[in-house]
Amino acid sequence: MFFMKKEDLERIYKAKGMARGTVFQIDTQYIISKWGRAGLEKIKKKAKEWGYDIPYEGVDTMGWYPLGLRVISLLLIKEVFNLSDAKIREMGTVAPRFSFIFKFIFKLITPIKKFAEGVPRYWDEHYTAGKLEVKKLDENKKILVAHLKGIKIDPVFCVYLEGYFEGVCRFLFPTSTCKETKCMFNDEEVHEYTLTW
């Protein structure tokens, strides 16, 4: 288990930007699918101990909530269920299956070229902070490189997004993999995610 310092949580909570309520619905569905309602109650209890009111139930899917709460939710899940980074990544990989926004937009962005063109808009539908853009798409070499700029909150979010982007791409190519090849927490200017299939 790891324990977050109050000052670190406050820094995360105050991060610029907002996230759609759907991210909390996704977390709620994931928690219940893995640990049942008892697991959700554990998370809610720990959230109160940490001093945050996270909208796991009764959330407005398309409403905007502090981005910091989205990251704190991941940290809560990691701590309460003693998850490794690999498990947080796995959580990200399955998340697109629960996303209403993804299911709606995905119908509009296939095949891969349209998918690549839709990536920035897809990010903007979920978050008001950061800019996600495709820097390279090579259909012959089966590679897509995306840069996420202007957002640096906590490494747990980087790991989650690595899995999430892989999960999204697997709707097109079931054997897709994603690797964060550059990270702002390693003194890089961007988070770079490289997808292959």
Foldseek 3Di string as FASTA:
>chain_A
DDDDDLVLLVLLQPFDKWFFQLLLCLLLVVQCVVPNVVSVVLLCVVCVVSPHDRPNDPGDRQDIDGPSSSVVSLVSNCVSVVDDLVVLLQSLLCSLVSGPLLVVCVVVQDDPVSVQVCVQVSVVSTMPFWGKHWPDDDVVQQKTKIWTAGDDRDVSVLSSVQNNVQNSCCVNPVVKHKDQPDDVVVVDRTGMIMIGD
